[in-house]
C-alpha atoms as a PDB file:
ATOM      1  CA  UNK A   1      93.552  83.476 258.576  1.00  0.00           C
ATOM      2  CA  UNK A   2      91.581  86.648 260.012  1.00  0.00           C
ATOM      3  CA  UNK A   3      90.147  89.199 257.742  1.00  0.00           C
ATOM      4  CA  UNK A   4      91.166  92.816 258.248  1.00  0.00           C
ATOM      5  CA  UNK A   5      87.944  93.784 260.043  1.00  0.00           C
ATOM      6  CA  UNK A   6      88.718  91.160 262.803  1.00  0.00           C
ATOM      7  CA  UNK A   7      92.338  92.149 262.919  1.00  0.00           C
ATOM      8  CA  UNK A   8      91.537  95.855 262.892  1.00  0.00           C
ATOM      9  CA  UNK A   9      88.353  95.589 265.213  1.00  0.00           C
ATOM     10  CA  UNK A  10      88.940  92.271 267.172  1.00  0.00           C
ATOM     11  CA  UNK A  11      87.675  94.046 270.158  1.00  0.00           C
ATOM     12  CA  UNK A  12      84.314  94.968 268.809  1.00  0.00           C
ATOM     13  CA  UNK A  13      81.616  92.563 269.461  1.00  0.00           C
ATOM     14  CA  UNK A  14      81.026  90.042 266.519  1.00  0.00           C
ATOM     15  CA  UNK A  15      77.556  91.866 265.211  1.00  0.00           C
ATOM     16  CA  UNK A  16      79.219  94.704 264.932  1.00  0.00           C
ATOM     17  CA  UNK A  17      82.093  93.693 263.176  1.00  0.00           C
ATOM     18  CA  UNK A  18      80.062  91.944 260.640  1.00  0.00           C
ATOM     19  CA  UNK A  19      78.059  95.190 260.147  1.00  0.00           C
ATOM     20  CA  UNK A  20      81.415  96.969 259.390  1.00  0.00           C
ATOM     21  CA  UNK A  21      82.385  94.387 256.802  1.00  0.00           C
ATOM     22  CA  UNK A  22      79.216  94.505 254.838  1.00  0.00           C
ATOM     23  CA  UNK A  23      78.980  98.385 254.874  1.00  0.00           C
ATOM     24  CA  UNK A  24      82.987  98.465 253.746  1.00  0.00           C
ATOM     25  CA  UNK A  25      81.834  96.124 251.262  1.00  0.00           C
ATOM     26  CA  UNK A  26      79.123  97.951 249.901  1.00  0.00           C
ATOM     27  CA  UNK A  27      80.948 101.465 250.182  1.00  0.00           C
ATOM     28  CA  UNK A  28      84.074  99.670 248.293  1.00  0.00           C
ATOM     29  CA  UNK A  29      81.763  98.322 245.471  1.00  0.00           C
ATOM     30  CA  UNK A  30      79.872 101.833 244.865  1.00  0.00           C
ATOM     31  CA  UNK A  31      83.453 103.377 244.701  1.00  0.00           C
ATOM     32  CA  UNK A  32      84.366 100.906 242.185  1.00  0.00           C
ATOM     33  CA  UNK A  33      81.512 101.580 240.291  1.00  0.00           C
ATOM     34  CA  UNK A  34      81.720 105.496 240.647  1.00  0.00           C
ATOM     35  CA  UNK A  35      85.428 104.986 239.585  1.00  0.00           C
ATOM     36  CA  UNK A  36      84.436 103.078 236.190  1.00  0.00           C
ATOM     37  CA  UNK A  37      82.038 105.548 235.085  1.00  0.00           C
ATOM     38  CA  UNK A  38      84.103 108.259 235.464  1.00  0.00           C
ATOM     39  CA  UNK A  39      87.430 107.064 233.774  1.00  0.00           C
ATOM     40  CA  UNK A  40      86.581 103.950 231.955  1.00  0.00           C
ATOM     41  CA  UNK A  41      82.885 103.460 230.694  1.00  0.00           C
ATOM     42  CA  UNK A  42      79.927 105.058 231.257  1.00  0.00           C
ATOM     43  CA  UNK A  43      76.094 104.119 229.992  1.00  0.00           C
ATOM     44  CA  UNK A  44      73.707 106.403 227.936  1.00  0.00           C
ATOM     45  CA  UNK A  45      70.337 106.438 226.737  1.00  0.00           C
ATOM     46  CA  UNK A  46      69.330 107.377 223.399  1.00  0.00           C
ATOM     47  CA  UNK A  47      66.980 110.365 223.660  1.00  0.00           C
ATOM     48  CA  UNK A  48      66.346 111.155 219.916  1.00  0.00           C
ATOM     49  CA  UNK A  49      65.701 109.875 216.701  1.00  0.00           C
ATOM     50  CA  UNK A  50      68.689 111.534 214.906  1.00  0.00           C
ATOM     51  CA  UNK A  51      70.998 108.396 214.790  1.00  0.00           C
ATOM     52  CA  UNK A  52      67.999 106.091 213.710  1.00  0.00           C
ATOM     53  CA  UNK A  53      68.004 103.177 212.656  1.00  0.00           C
ATOM     54  CA  UNK A  54      71.508 102.717 213.886  1.00  0.00           C
ATOM     55  CA  UNK A  55      70.543 103.863 217.247  1.00  0.00           C
ATOM     56  CA  UNK A  56      66.682 103.497 218.300  1.00  0.00           C
ATOM     57  CA  UNK A  57      65.117 105.722 220.546  1.00  0.00           C
ATOM     58  CA  UNK A  58      61.679 104.886 221.772  1.00  0.00           C
ATOM     59  CA  UNK A  59      57.939 105.741 220.579  1.00  0.00           C
ATOM     60  CA  UNK A  60      56.114 108.019 220.673  1.00  0.00           C
ATOM     61  CA  UNK A  61      59.048 110.191 220.154  1.00  0.00           C
ATOM     62  CA  UNK A  62      58.943 111.817 216.778  1.00  0.00           C
ATOM     63  CA  UNK A  63      60.698 109.462 214.047  1.00  0.00           C
ATOM     64  CA  UNK A  64      61.331 106.655 216.535  1.00  0.00           C
ATOM     65  CA  UNK A  65      61.192 103.150 215.475  1.00  0.00           C
ATOM     66  CA  UNK A  66      61.400 100.922 218.901  1.00  0.00           C
ATOM     67  CA  UNK A  67      59.349 100.486 222.045  1.00  0.00           C
ATOM     68  CA  UNK A  68      62.469 101.176 224.162  1.00  0.00           C
ATOM     69  CA  UNK A  69      65.266 103.326 223.608  1.00  0.00           C
ATOM     70  CA  UNK A  70      68.727 101.936 223.139  1.00  0.00           C
ATOM     71  CA  UNK A  71      71.308 102.042 225.999  1.00  0.00           C
ATOM     72  CA  UNK A  72      74.642 102.317 225.063  1.00  0.00           C
ATOM     73  CA  UNK A  73      78.377 102.284 226.685  1.00  0.00           C
ATOM     74  CA  UNK A  74      81.094 104.585 225.756  1.00  0.00           C
ATOM     75  CA  UNK A  75      84.599 104.175 226.280  1.00  0.00           C
ATOM     76  CA  UNK A  76      86.047 106.848 227.986  1.00  0.00           C
ATOM     77  CA  UNK A  77      89.739 105.822 227.981  1.00  0.00           C
ATOM     78  CA  UNK A  78      90.458 105.300 224.035  1.00  0.00           C
ATOM     79  CA  UNK A  79      90.862 108.979 223.213  1.00  0.00           C
ATOM     80  CA  UNK A  80      93.772 109.621 225.697  1.00  0.00           C
ATOM     81  CA  UNK A  81      95.701 106.995 223.620  1.00  0.00           C
ATOM     82  CA  UNK A  82      94.578 107.655 219.991  1.00  0.00           C
ATOM     83  CA  UNK A  83      92.861 110.168 217.705  1.00  0.00           C
ATOM     84  CA  UNK A  84      89.113 109.700 216.979  1.00  0.00           C
ATOM     85  CA  UNK A  85      88.610 108.027 213.624  1.00  0.00           C
ATOM     86  CA  UNK A  86      86.186 108.787 211.069  1.00  0.00           C
ATOM     87  CA  UNK A  87      82.398 106.995 211.039  1.00  0.00           C
ATOM     88  CA  UNK A  88      82.666 106.325 214.758  1.00  0.00           C
ATOM     89  CA  UNK A  89      79.666 106.747 217.187  1.00  0.00           C
ATOM     90  CA  UNK A  90      80.562 109.571 219.732  1.00  0.00           C
ATOM     91  CA  UNK A  91      79.657 110.412 222.813  1.00  0.00           C
ATOM     92  CA  UNK A  92      80.437 114.252 223.267  1.00  0.00           C
ATOM     93  CA  UNK A  93      79.425 117.296 225.672  1.00  0.00           C
ATOM     94  CA  UNK A  94      76.858 119.388 224.059  1.00  0.00           C
ATOM     95  CA  UNK A  95      78.202 122.644 223.058  1.00  0.00           C
ATOM     96  CA  UNK A  96      76.415 125.675 223.950  1.00  0.00           C
ATOM     97  CA  UNK A  97      75.541 126.923 220.468  1.00  0.00           C
ATOM     98  CA  UNK A  98      73.895 123.368 219.986  1.00  0.00           C
ATOM     99  CA  UNK A  99      71.537 123.815 223.315  1.00  0.00           C
ATOM    100  CA  UNK A 100      70.709 127.210 221.573  1.00  0.00           C
ATOM    101  CA  UNK A 101      69.792 126.020 218.061  1.00  0.00           C
ATOM    102  CA  UNK A 102      68.432 122.213 218.602  1.00  0.00           C
ATOM    103  CA  UNK A 103      64.903 122.161 220.120  1.00  0.00           C
ATOM    104  CA  UNK A 104      64.357 120.143 223.041  1.00  0.00           C
ATOM    105  CA  UNK A 105      68.157 119.747 223.619  1.00  0.00           C
ATOM    106  CA  UNK A 106      68.346 122.540 226.434  1.00  0.00           C
ATOM    107  CA  UNK A 107      68.408 119.734 228.801  1.00  0.00           C
ATOM    108  CA  UNK A 108      70.748 117.361 227.102  1.00  0.00           C
ATOM    109  CA  UNK A 109      74.290 117.672 228.395  1.00  0.00           C
ATOM    110  CA  UNK A 110      75.698 114.975 226.109  1.00  0.00           C
ATOM    111  CA  UNK A 111      75.012 114.337 222.456  1.00  0.00           C
ATOM    112  CA  UNK A 112      75.571 110.887 220.517  1.00  0.00           C
ATOM    113  CA  UNK A 113      76.295 111.368 216.770  1.00  0.00           C
ATOM    114  CA  UNK A 114      78.601 109.700 214.063  1.00  0.00           C
ATOM    115  CA  UNK A 115      81.940 111.497 213.320  1.00  0.00           C
ATOM    116  CA  UNK A 116      82.285 112.588 209.650  1.00  0.00           C
ATOM    117  CA  UNK A 117      84.685 115.338 209.309  1.00  0.00           C
ATOM    118  CA  UNK A 118      88.262 115.468 210.722  1.00  0.00           C
ATOM    119  CA  UNK A 119      90.314 118.724 211.742  1.00  0.00           C
ATOM    120  CA  UNK A 120      91.436 120.630 208.659  1.00  0.00           C
ATOM    121  CA  UNK A 121      89.041 118.964 206.204  1.00  0.00           C
ATOM    122  CA  UNK A 122      86.703 120.870 203.990  1.00  0.00           C
ATOM    123  CA  UNK A 123      82.829 119.054 203.854  1.00  0.00           C
ATOM    124  CA  UNK A 124      80.458 119.863 201.129  1.00  0.00           C
ATOM    125  CA  UNK A 125      77.313 118.304 201.105  1.00  0.00           C
ATOM    126  CA  UNK A 126      75.105 118.347 197.768  1.00  0.00           C
ATOM    127  CA  UNK A 127      71.477 117.278 197.952  1.00  0.00           C
ATOM    128  CA  UNK A 128      72.077 114.924 200.888  1.00  0.00           C
ATOM    129  CA  UNK A 129      75.496 113.624 199.847  1.00  0.00           C
ATOM    130  CA  UNK A 130      78.568 114.286 201.456  1.00  0.00           C
ATOM    131  CA  UNK A 131      82.179 114.487 199.916  1.00  0.00           C
ATOM    132  CA  UNK A 132      85.349 115.529 201.937  1.00  0.00           C
ATOM    133  CA  UNK A 133      87.916 117.023 200.500  1.00  0.00           C
ATOM    134  CA  UNK A 134      86.604 116.711 196.999  1.00  0.00           C
ATOM    135  CA  UNK A 135      85.984 112.917 197.407  1.00  0.00           C
ATOM    136  CA  UNK A 136      82.550 111.444 198.115  1.00  0.00           C
ATOM    137  CA  UNK A 137      82.232 109.642 201.180  1.00  0.00           C
ATOM    138  CA  UNK A 138      80.635 106.236 201.190  1.00  0.00           C
ATOM    139  CA  UNK A 139      77.795 106.368 204.056  1.00  0.00           C
ATOM    140  CA  UNK A 140      76.229 102.829 204.159  1.00  0.00           C
ATOM    141  CA  UNK A 141      74.866 103.484 207.642  1.00  0.00           C
ATOM    142  CA  UNK A 142      72.880 106.256 206.185  1.00  0.00           C
ATOM    143  CA  UNK A 143      69.347 104.778 204.618  1.00  0.00           C
ATOM    144  CA  UNK A 144      68.180 106.464 201.654  1.00  0.00           C
ATOM    145  CA  UNK A 145      64.538 107.296 203.194  1.00  0.00           C
ATOM    146  CA  UNK A 146      66.756 109.071 206.156  1.00  0.00           C
ATOM    147  CA  UNK A 147      68.555 111.408 203.656  1.00  0.00           C
ATOM    148  CA  UNK A 148      67.444 114.968 203.422  1.00  0.00           C
ATOM    149  CA  UNK A 149      67.846 117.391 200.388  1.00  0.00           C
ATOM    150  CA  UNK A 150      70.111 119.721 202.319  1.00  0.00           C
ATOM    151  CA  UNK A 151      73.244 121.311 200.914  1.00  0.00           C
ATOM    152  CA  UNK A 152      76.046 123.182 202.188  1.00  0.00           C
ATOM    153  CA  UNK A 153      79.908 123.557 202.852  1.00  0.00           C
ATOM    154  CA  UNK A 154      81.908 123.596 205.845  1.00  0.00           C
ATOM    155  CA  UNK A 155      85.739 123.956 207.026  1.00  0.00           C
ATOM    156  CA  UNK A 156      86.531 122.037 210.170  1.00  0.00           C
ATOM    157  CA  UNK A 157      89.015 124.050 212.515  1.00  0.00           C
ATOM    158  CA  UNK A 158      92.070 122.450 213.575  1.00  0.00           C
ATOM    159  CA  UNK A 159      91.634 120.589 216.880  1.00  0.00           C
ATOM    160  CA  UNK A 160      87.596 120.492 216.094  1.00  0.00           C
ATOM    161  CA  UNK A 161      85.535 117.346 214.532  1.00  0.00           C
ATOM    162  CA  UNK A 162      82.111 117.558 212.365  1.00  0.00           C
ATOM    163  CA  UNK A 163      79.542 115.412 213.639  1.00  0.00           C
ATOM    164  CA  UNK A 164      76.323 114.461 211.527  1.00  0.00           C
ATOM    165  CA  UNK A 165      73.410 112.024 212.553  1.00  0.00           C
ATOM    166  CA  UNK A 166      72.789 109.120 210.576  1.00  0.00           C
ATOM    167  CA  UNK A 167      69.040 110.044 210.346  1.00  0.00           C
ATOM    168  CA  UNK A 168      69.904 113.219 208.399  1.00  0.00           C
ATOM    169  CA  UNK A 169      66.259 114.396 207.928  1.00  0.00           C
ATOM    170  CA  UNK A 170      65.963 114.588 211.671  1.00  0.00           C
ATOM    171  CA  UNK A 171      69.321 115.436 212.822  1.00  0.00           C
ATOM    172  CA  UNK A 172      70.262 118.857 214.604  1.00  0.00           C
ATOM    173  CA  UNK A 173      73.793 118.483 213.961  1.00  0.00           C
ATOM    174  CA  UNK A 174      77.403 120.292 213.315  1.00  0.00           C
ATOM    175  CA  UNK A 175      75.476 121.397 209.939  1.00  0.00           C
ATOM    176  CA  UNK A 176      73.482 123.575 211.858  1.00  0.00           C
ATOM    177  CA  UNK A 177      75.662 124.517 215.084  1.00  0.00           C
ATOM    178  CA  UNK A 178      79.382 123.778 213.857  1.00  0.00           C
ATOM    179  CA  UNK A 179      82.296 121.393 214.642  1.00  0.00           C
ATOM    180  CA  UNK A 180      83.010 120.105 218.190  1.00  0.00           C
ATOM    181  CA  UNK A 181      86.279 120.940 220.038  1.00  0.00           C
ATOM    182  CA  UNK A 182      88.469 117.613 221.047  1.00  0.00           C
ATOM    183  CA  UNK A 183      88.088 118.780 224.623  1.00  0.00           C
ATOM    184  CA  UNK A 184      84.130 117.718 224.754  1.00  0.00           C
ATOM    185  CA  UNK A 185      84.834 114.439 223.099  1.00  0.00           C
ATOM    186  CA  UNK A 186      83.859 111.690 225.900  1.00  0.00           C
ATOM    187  CA  UNK A 187      84.510 108.640 223.922  1.00  0.00           C
ATOM    188  CA  UNK A 188      83.161 106.057 221.118  1.00  0.00           C
ATOM    189  CA  UNK A 189      80.267 103.843 221.669  1.00  0.00           C
ATOM    190  CA  UNK A 190      81.458 100.313 221.582  1.00  0.00           C
ATOM    191  CA  UNK A 191      78.235  98.320 222.763  1.00  0.00           C
ATOM    192  CA  UNK A 192      74.658  98.658 223.123  1.00  0.00           C
ATOM    193  CA  UNK A 193      73.496  96.369 226.053  1.00  0.00           C
ATOM    194  CA  UNK A 194      69.547  97.046 226.217  1.00  0.00           C
ATOM    195  CA  UNK A 195      66.864  96.095 225.091  1.00  0.00           C
ATOM    196  CA  UNK A 196      68.292  92.440 224.703  1.00  0.00           C
ATOM    197  CA  UNK A 197      67.046  91.993 221.364  1.00  0.00           C
ATOM    198  CA  UNK A 198      69.494  95.181 220.266  1.00  0.00           C
ATOM    199  CA  UNK A 199      72.753  93.664 222.140  1.00  0.00           C
ATOM    200  CA  UNK A 200      75.727  94.446 219.702  1.00  0.00           C
ATOM    201  CA  UNK A 201      79.145  95.637 219.484  1.00  0.00           C
ATOM    202  CA  UNK A 202      79.792  98.869 217.418  1.00  0.00           C
END
């Protein structure tokens, strides 16, 4: 059975048909990759220590534990069909206020943080421990040495979400610049694919 190139361009010399076949295959593959990145999954690198030790950044960055930064994949589809869930690690577009407040983030178009507060909830932090609507949050992902001694109270507006880093002492997050509108959320981190010794599902 003749392939589409031979059927469409059968009058062209064979070397040219072979070239067209390869060119269209490469263009098609690139288009598929770009479509996947735009609508399905997207890779991200962890640039700061705000999520240590859950997600590593690379030394010599301040507070970074690893030689190489973790590379993760975020699912861009889920939130079209369900609501974000507390505890998920989420990639989101950096709010303008965050770019203004967080040192070194002026060039960061996205942040990676953990979702702590849902729309309509009231969060209270006392000496590093968080309560939501009066109930203490069990945060096993925050290591004792990574807590800070901050205190504060925040009300999450409807349609917005409150994020914090696992490395509380080094995280510039919603405590500093406020909650994040739903439209800014890109998707949950579901897989660390690099370096090899860090491969894991989340």
